[in-house]
Amino acid sequence: MAEHQAPTAPTNTVVLIEPSLLNLQGFEEALARGWSPDPRRQQDKVYAEAELEMLRHDRAGFLSRLISSEVIATSVSNRAPQYLAIQPFWIWDGDFCGYITLRHLPGTTRFPLHVPGHVGYSIVPWKQGRGYATQALLLLLPIAAKAGLARISVICNENNLASRRVIEKAGGMLLRTGTDPSDSPDITKLFFDLPTTHN
């Protein structure tokens, strides 16, 4: 369950909190340290600096764009415009640790082309290695279940062993290996199926 208030001191566990102007500073500081919110662009300093500039120019506008609950996307079936529901959360241990996002097409378990699975997440480098991504993914499962998803698709690069461990620890089962329209055809992906509830 998402929480609106951030804990006051760092802990060994994390919670998911909804992004707001009150807690945007941690996201800003992470950008300033070179972190990219897009896992596919972690070494792209130009992208991170552009995001930082937009945030500092218009904090409210930046936040509004970040937490927009619906965006138009291309459907899997017929490429017609559809509304993609997006639920972003900060991963928080008393400080900003990264983010995790649930993405889905309301009324279906499918997701649009060029969207890499139902979940995206990124942990800032200085908080990695603490199990935070696994905790965050587990916290996201009941949120996905509440959105009507009995199962979600989670995708990572074949050579991203850390992300693979995160997904497997959360209960993900490898379905297949291949490419995905969301990334270069030269990059092999691992496609996991993850139930949102455990019997």
C-alpha atoms as a PDB file:
ATOM      1  CA  MET A   1       0.000   0.000   0.000  1.00  0.00           C
ATOM      2  CA  ALA A   2       1.391   3.398  -0.941  1.00  0.00           C
ATOM      3  CA  GLU A   3       2.046   5.912   1.803  1.00  0.00           C
ATOM      4  CA  HIS A   4       1.810   9.682   1.530  1.00  0.00           C
ATOM      5  CA  GLN A   5       4.218  10.569   4.334  1.00  0.00           C
ATOM      6  CA  ALA A   6       7.880   9.657   4.182  1.00  0.00           C
ATOM      7  CA  PRO A   7       9.604   8.028   7.178  1.00  0.00           C
ATOM      8  CA  THR A   8      11.822  10.402   9.142  1.00  0.00           C
ATOM      9  CA  ALA A   9      14.907   8.208   9.420  1.00  0.00           C
ATOM     10  CA  PRO A  10      16.674   5.659   7.208  1.00  0.00           C
ATOM     11  CA  THR A  11      15.742   2.019   7.847  1.00  0.00           C
ATOM     12  CA  ASN A  12      16.704  -1.384   6.486  1.00  0.00           C
ATOM     13  CA  THR A  13      13.357  -1.710   4.740  1.00  0.00           C
ATOM     14  CA  VAL A  14      11.609   0.392   2.145  1.00  0.00           C
ATOM     15  CA  VAL A  15       8.116   1.720   1.545  1.00  0.00           C
ATOM     16  CA  LEU A  16       6.488   3.032  -1.597  1.00  0.00           C
ATOM     17  CA  ILE A  17       5.359   6.644  -1.449  1.00  0.00           C
ATOM     18  CA  GLU A  18       3.540   8.725  -3.995  1.00  0.00           C
ATOM     19  CA  PRO A  19       5.686  11.436  -5.630  1.00  0.00           C
ATOM     20  CA  SER A  20       4.833  14.944  -4.445  1.00  0.00           C
ATOM     21  CA  LEU A  21       6.392  18.388  -4.241  1.00  0.00           C
ATOM     22  CA  LEU A  22       7.211  17.614  -0.599  1.00  0.00           C
ATOM     23  CA  ASN A  23       9.467  14.689  -1.502  1.00  0.00           C
ATOM     24  CA  LEU A  24      10.684  15.783  -4.944  1.00  0.00           C
ATOM     25  CA  GLN A  25      14.018  16.992  -3.530  1.00  0.00           C
ATOM     26  CA  GLY A  26      15.410  13.464  -3.251  1.00  0.00           C
ATOM     27  CA  PHE A  27      14.628  12.805  -6.910  1.00  0.00           C
ATOM     28  CA  GLU A  28      16.270  16.135  -7.819  1.00  0.00           C
ATOM     29  CA  GLU A  29      19.401  15.308  -5.832  1.00  0.00           C
ATOM     30  CA  ALA A  30      19.661  11.918  -7.521  1.00  0.00           C
ATOM     31  CA  LEU A  31      19.490  13.572 -10.949  1.00  0.00           C
ATOM     32  CA  ALA A  32      22.163  16.042  -9.867  1.00  0.00           C
ATOM     33  CA  ARG A  33      24.406  13.097  -8.929  1.00  0.00           C
ATOM     34  CA  GLY A  34      24.086  11.699 -12.444  1.00  0.00           C
ATOM     35  CA  TRP A  35      21.389   9.059 -11.902  1.00  0.00           C
ATOM     36  CA  SER A  36      18.910   8.577 -14.734  1.00  0.00           C
ATOM     37  CA  PRO A  37      15.286   7.624 -14.018  1.00  0.00           C
ATOM     38  CA  ASP A  38      15.275   5.571 -17.225  1.00  0.00           C
ATOM     39  CA  PRO A  39      17.104   2.246 -16.625  1.00  0.00           C
ATOM     40  CA  ARG A  40      17.996   2.114 -20.319  1.00  0.00           C
ATOM     41  CA  ARG A  41      19.792   5.472 -20.084  1.00  0.00           C
ATOM     42  CA  GLN A  42      21.845   5.120 -16.899  1.00  0.00           C
ATOM     43  CA  GLN A  43      25.011   6.426 -18.547  1.00  0.00           C
ATOM     44  CA  ASP A  44      23.229   9.185 -20.489  1.00  0.00           C
ATOM     45  CA  LYS A  45      24.359  12.342 -18.672  1.00  0.00           C
ATOM     46  CA  VAL A  46      22.749  14.599 -21.276  1.00  0.00           C
ATOM     47  CA  TYR A  47      19.357  13.009 -20.585  1.00  0.00           C
ATOM     48  CA  ALA A  48      19.750  13.306 -16.803  1.00  0.00           C
ATOM     49  CA  GLU A  49      20.861  16.938 -17.087  1.00  0.00           C
ATOM     50  CA  ALA A  50      17.903  17.755 -19.342  1.00  0.00           C
ATOM     51  CA  GLU A  51      15.508  16.194 -16.825  1.00  0.00           C
ATOM     52  CA  LEU A  52      17.159  18.153 -14.021  1.00  0.00           C
ATOM     53  CA  GLU A  53      16.859  21.403 -15.962  1.00  0.00           C
ATOM     54  CA  MET A  54      13.152  20.819 -16.606  1.00  0.00           C
ATOM     55  CA  LEU A  55      12.558  20.005 -12.938  1.00  0.00           C
ATOM     56  CA  ARG A  56      14.273  23.161 -11.718  1.00  0.00           C
ATOM     57  CA  HIS A  57      12.516  25.331 -14.314  1.00  0.00           C
ATOM     58  CA  ASP A  58       9.013  24.182 -13.359  1.00  0.00           C
ATOM     59  CA  ARG A  59       8.790  21.837 -10.373  1.00  0.00           C
ATOM     60  CA  ALA A  60       4.994  21.564 -10.420  1.00  0.00           C
ATOM     61  CA  GLY A  61       4.885  20.997 -14.164  1.00  0.00           C
ATOM     62  CA  PHE A  62       7.644  18.392 -13.988  1.00  0.00           C
ATOM     63  CA  LEU A  63       5.836  16.527 -11.212  1.00  0.00           C
ATOM     64  CA  SER A  64       2.551  16.692 -13.113  1.00  0.00           C
ATOM     65  CA  ARG A  65       4.204  15.118 -16.156  1.00  0.00           C
ATOM     66  CA  LEU A  66       5.872  12.503 -13.975  1.00  0.00           C
ATOM     67  CA  ILE A  67       2.704  11.348 -12.213  1.00  0.00           C
ATOM     68  CA  SER A  68       0.303  11.663 -15.136  1.00  0.00           C
ATOM     69  CA  SER A  69      -1.976   8.695 -14.547  1.00  0.00           C
ATOM     70  CA  GLU A  70      -2.920   8.182 -18.191  1.00  0.00           C
ATOM     71  CA  VAL A  71      -0.945   8.549 -21.384  1.00  0.00           C
ATOM     72  CA  ILE A  72      -1.908   7.661 -24.916  1.00  0.00           C
ATOM     73  CA  ALA A  73      -0.067   4.608 -26.208  1.00  0.00           C
ATOM     74  CA  THR A  74      -0.295   2.200 -29.118  1.00  0.00           C
ATOM     75  CA  SER A  75      -2.242  -0.971 -28.462  1.00  0.00           C
ATOM     76  CA  VAL A  76      -0.777  -4.397 -29.036  1.00  0.00           C
ATOM     77  CA  SER A  77      -3.630  -5.623 -31.221  1.00  0.00           C
ATOM     78  CA  ASN A  78      -4.337  -2.990 -33.854  1.00  0.00           C
ATOM     79  CA  ARG A  79      -2.004  -0.051 -33.157  1.00  0.00           C
ATOM     80  CA  ALA A  80      -4.978   2.133 -32.261  1.00  0.00           C
ATOM     81  CA  PRO A  81      -4.441   4.783 -29.564  1.00  0.00           C
ATOM     82  CA  GLN A  82      -5.247   3.556 -26.071  1.00  0.00           C
ATOM     83  CA  TYR A  83      -4.864   5.016 -22.609  1.00  0.00           C
ATOM     84  CA  LEU A  84      -1.992   3.533 -20.649  1.00  0.00           C
ATOM     85  CA  ALA A  85      -2.499   3.810 -16.893  1.00  0.00           C
ATOM     86  CA  ILE A  86       0.726   4.613 -15.036  1.00  0.00           C
ATOM     87  CA  GLN A  87       1.223   4.482 -11.262  1.00  0.00           C
ATOM     88  CA  PRO A  88       4.678   5.738 -10.210  1.00  0.00           C
ATOM     89  CA  PHE A  89       6.079   5.432  -6.689  1.00  0.00           C
ATOM     90  CA  TRP A  90       9.267   6.527  -4.968  1.00  0.00           C
ATOM     91  CA  ILE A  91      11.184   3.742  -3.254  1.00  0.00           C
ATOM     92  CA  TRP A  92      11.955   5.206   0.173  1.00  0.00           C
ATOM     93  CA  ASP A  93      13.971   4.157   3.239  1.00  0.00           C
ATOM     94  CA  GLY A  94      13.918   7.576   4.853  1.00  0.00           C
ATOM     95  CA  ASP A  95      15.663   8.960   1.787  1.00  0.00           C
ATOM     96  CA  PHE A  96      15.005   8.660  -1.934  1.00  0.00           C
ATOM     97  CA  CYS A  97      16.207   5.256  -3.196  1.00  0.00           C
ATOM     98  CA  GLY A  98      14.739   5.123  -6.691  1.00  0.00           C
ATOM     99  CA  TYR A  99      11.373   4.543  -8.277  1.00  0.00           C
ATOM    100  CA  ILE A 100       9.048   1.780  -9.413  1.00  0.00           C
ATOM    101  CA  THR A 101       6.160   2.143 -11.829  1.00  0.00           C
ATOM    102  CA  LEU A 102       3.149  -0.006 -12.683  1.00  0.00           C
ATOM    103  CA  ARG A 103       1.977   0.325 -16.306  1.00  0.00           C
ATOM    104  CA  HIS A 104      -1.129  -1.295 -17.732  1.00  0.00           C
ATOM    105  CA  LEU A 105      -3.991  -0.949 -20.162  1.00  0.00           C
ATOM    106  CA  PRO A 106      -7.181  -0.813 -18.061  1.00  0.00           C
ATOM    107  CA  GLY A 107      -9.437  -3.773 -18.697  1.00  0.00           C
ATOM    108  CA  THR A 108      -6.751  -6.055 -20.110  1.00  0.00           C
ATOM    109  CA  THR A 109      -3.598  -7.846 -19.000  1.00  0.00           C
ATOM    110  CA  ARG A 110      -1.825  -6.873 -22.226  1.00  0.00           C
ATOM    111  CA  PHE A 111       0.399  -3.845 -22.555  1.00  0.00           C
ATOM    112  CA  PRO A 112       1.184  -1.587 -25.514  1.00  0.00           C
ATOM    113  CA  LEU A 113       3.970  -1.949 -28.018  1.00  0.00           C
ATOM    114  CA  HIS A 114       7.187  -0.159 -27.024  1.00  0.00           C
ATOM    115  CA  VAL A 115       6.346  -0.524 -23.307  1.00  0.00           C
ATOM    116  CA  PRO A 116       8.746  -3.011 -21.651  1.00  0.00           C
ATOM    117  CA  GLY A 117       6.381  -4.965 -19.412  1.00  0.00           C
ATOM    118  CA  HIS A 118       4.032  -3.950 -16.640  1.00  0.00           C
ATOM    119  CA  VAL A 119       6.825  -2.776 -14.339  1.00  0.00           C
ATOM    120  CA  GLY A 120       9.788  -0.422 -14.558  1.00  0.00           C
ATOM    121  CA  TYR A 121      12.175   0.273 -11.688  1.00  0.00           C
ATOM    122  CA  SER A 122      15.538   1.818 -10.962  1.00  0.00           C
ATOM    123  CA  ILE A 123      17.562   2.052  -7.748  1.00  0.00           C
ATOM    124  CA  VAL A 124      20.110   4.833  -7.330  1.00  0.00           C
ATOM    125  CA  PRO A 125      23.672   3.411  -7.358  1.00  0.00           C
ATOM    126  CA  TRP A 126      24.426   4.384  -3.753  1.00  0.00           C
ATOM    127  CA  LYS A 127      21.432   2.357  -2.500  1.00  0.00           C
ATOM    128  CA  GLN A 128      22.010  -0.769  -4.571  1.00  0.00           C
ATOM    129  CA  GLY A 129      22.911  -4.132  -3.077  1.00  0.00           C
ATOM    130  CA  ARG A 130      20.475  -3.828  -0.157  1.00  0.00           C
ATOM    131  CA  GLY A 131      17.560  -5.806  -1.578  1.00  0.00           C
ATOM    132  CA  TYR A 132      15.505  -2.654  -2.091  1.00  0.00           C
ATOM    133  CA  ALA A 133      14.407  -3.475  -5.641  1.00  0.00           C
ATOM    134  CA  THR A 134      13.058  -6.865  -4.544  1.00  0.00           C
ATOM    135  CA  GLN A 135      11.218  -5.302  -1.613  1.00  0.00           C
ATOM    136  CA  ALA A 136       9.745  -2.642  -3.884  1.00  0.00           C
ATOM    137  CA  LEU A 137       8.591  -5.183  -6.453  1.00  0.00           C
ATOM    138  CA  LEU A 138       6.900  -7.243  -3.729  1.00  0.00           C
ATOM    139  CA  LEU A 139       5.187  -4.092  -2.417  1.00  0.00           C
ATOM    140  CA  LEU A 140       3.920  -3.351  -5.914  1.00  0.00           C
ATOM    141  CA  LEU A 141       2.206  -6.722  -6.327  1.00  0.00           C
ATOM    142  CA  PRO A 142      -0.904  -5.969  -4.216  1.00  0.00           C
ATOM    143  CA  ILE A 143      -1.213  -2.632  -6.032  1.00  0.00           C
ATOM    144  CA  ALA A 144      -1.189  -4.522  -9.338  1.00  0.00           C
ATOM    145  CA  ALA A 145      -3.732  -6.991  -7.975  1.00  0.00           C
ATOM    146  CA  LYS A 146      -6.003  -4.112  -6.942  1.00  0.00           C
ATOM    147  CA  ALA A 147      -5.724  -2.798 -10.516  1.00  0.00           C
ATOM    148  CA  GLY A 148      -7.178  -6.108 -11.709  1.00  0.00           C
ATOM    149  CA  LEU A 149      -3.964  -7.840 -12.744  1.00  0.00           C
ATOM    150  CA  ALA A 150      -3.682 -11.432 -11.532  1.00  0.00           C
ATOM    151  CA  ARG A 151      -0.275 -11.683 -13.207  1.00  0.00           C
ATOM    152  CA  ILE A 152       2.200  -9.161 -14.543  1.00  0.00           C
ATOM    153  CA  SER A 153       4.962  -9.290 -17.111  1.00  0.00           C
ATOM    154  CA  VAL A 154       8.406  -8.120 -16.012  1.00  0.00           C
ATOM    155  CA  ILE A 155      11.231  -7.811 -18.533  1.00  0.00           C
ATOM    156  CA  CYS A 156      14.968  -7.333 -18.122  1.00  0.00           C
ATOM    157  CA  ASN A 157      18.056  -7.554 -20.314  1.00  0.00           C
ATOM    158  CA  GLU A 158      19.569 -11.022 -20.544  1.00  0.00           C
ATOM    159  CA  ASN A 159      22.911  -9.742 -19.204  1.00  0.00           C
ATOM    160  CA  ASN A 160      21.324  -7.881 -16.265  1.00  0.00           C
ATOM    161  CA  LEU A 161      21.925 -10.549 -13.632  1.00  0.00           C
ATOM    162  CA  ALA A 162      21.004  -8.256 -10.735  1.00  0.00           C
ATOM    163  CA  SER A 163      17.586  -7.483 -12.203  1.00  0.00           C
ATOM    164  CA  ARG A 164      17.011 -11.150 -12.984  1.00  0.00           C
ATOM    165  CA  ARG A 165      17.679 -12.025  -9.330  1.00  0.00           C
ATOM    166  CA  VAL A 166      15.242  -9.309  -8.209  1.00  0.00           C
ATOM    167  CA  ILE A 167      12.454 -10.707 -10.381  1.00  0.00           C
ATOM    168  CA  GLU A 168      13.119 -14.335  -9.417  1.00  0.00           C
ATOM    169  CA  LYS A 169      13.242 -13.508  -5.689  1.00  0.00           C
ATOM    170  CA  ALA A 170       9.843 -11.833  -6.048  1.00  0.00           C
ATOM    171  CA  GLY A 171       8.441 -15.030  -7.559  1.00  0.00           C
ATOM    172  CA  GLY A 172       8.896 -14.401 -11.271  1.00  0.00           C
ATOM    173  CA  MET A 173       9.047 -17.378 -13.629  1.00  0.00           C
ATOM    174  CA  LEU A 174      11.016 -17.149 -16.865  1.00  0.00           C
ATOM    175  CA  LEU A 175       8.675 -17.603 -19.843  1.00  0.00           C
ATOM    176  CA  ARG A 176      10.907 -16.915 -22.803  1.00  0.00           C
ATOM    177  CA  THR A 177      13.977 -15.156 -24.163  1.00  0.00           C
ATOM    178  CA  GLY A 178      13.912 -12.806 -27.139  1.00  0.00           C
ATOM    179  CA  THR A 179      13.811  -9.230 -28.343  1.00  0.00           C
ATOM    180  CA  ASP A 180      11.213  -6.584 -27.503  1.00  0.00           C
ATOM    181  CA  PRO A 181       9.942  -3.590 -29.533  1.00  0.00           C
ATOM    182  CA  SER A 182      10.789  -1.305 -26.596  1.00  0.00           C
ATOM    183  CA  ASP A 183      14.516  -1.670 -27.224  1.00  0.00           C
ATOM    184  CA  SER A 184      17.129  -2.386 -29.880  1.00  0.00           C
ATOM    185  CA  PRO A 185      16.699  -5.671 -31.804  1.00  0.00           C
ATOM    186  CA  ASP A 186      20.307  -6.422 -30.855  1.00  0.00           C
ATOM    187  CA  ILE A 187      19.421  -6.658 -27.151  1.00  0.00           C
ATOM    188  CA  THR A 188      18.141  -9.991 -25.853  1.00  0.00           C
ATOM    189  CA  LYS A 189      15.465  -9.796 -23.165  1.00  0.00           C
ATOM    190  CA  LEU A 190      14.210 -12.172 -20.502  1.00  0.00           C
ATOM    191  CA  PHE A 191      10.417 -12.252 -20.129  1.00  0.00           C
ATOM    192  CA  PHE A 192       9.087 -13.189 -16.700  1.00  0.00           C
ATOM    193  CA  ASP A 193       5.581 -13.956 -15.501  1.00  0.00           C
ATOM    194  CA  LEU A 194       4.883 -12.852 -11.938  1.00  0.00           C
ATOM    195  CA  PRO A 195       1.658 -13.617 -10.026  1.00  0.00           C
ATOM    196  CA  THR A 196       0.359 -10.708  -7.983  1.00  0.00           C
ATOM    197  CA  THR A 197      -1.065 -12.913  -5.237  1.00  0.00           C
ATOM    198  CA  HIS A 198       0.324 -16.046  -3.616  1.00  0.00           C
ATOM    199  CA  ASN A 199      -1.971 -18.884  -2.559  1.00  0.00           C
END
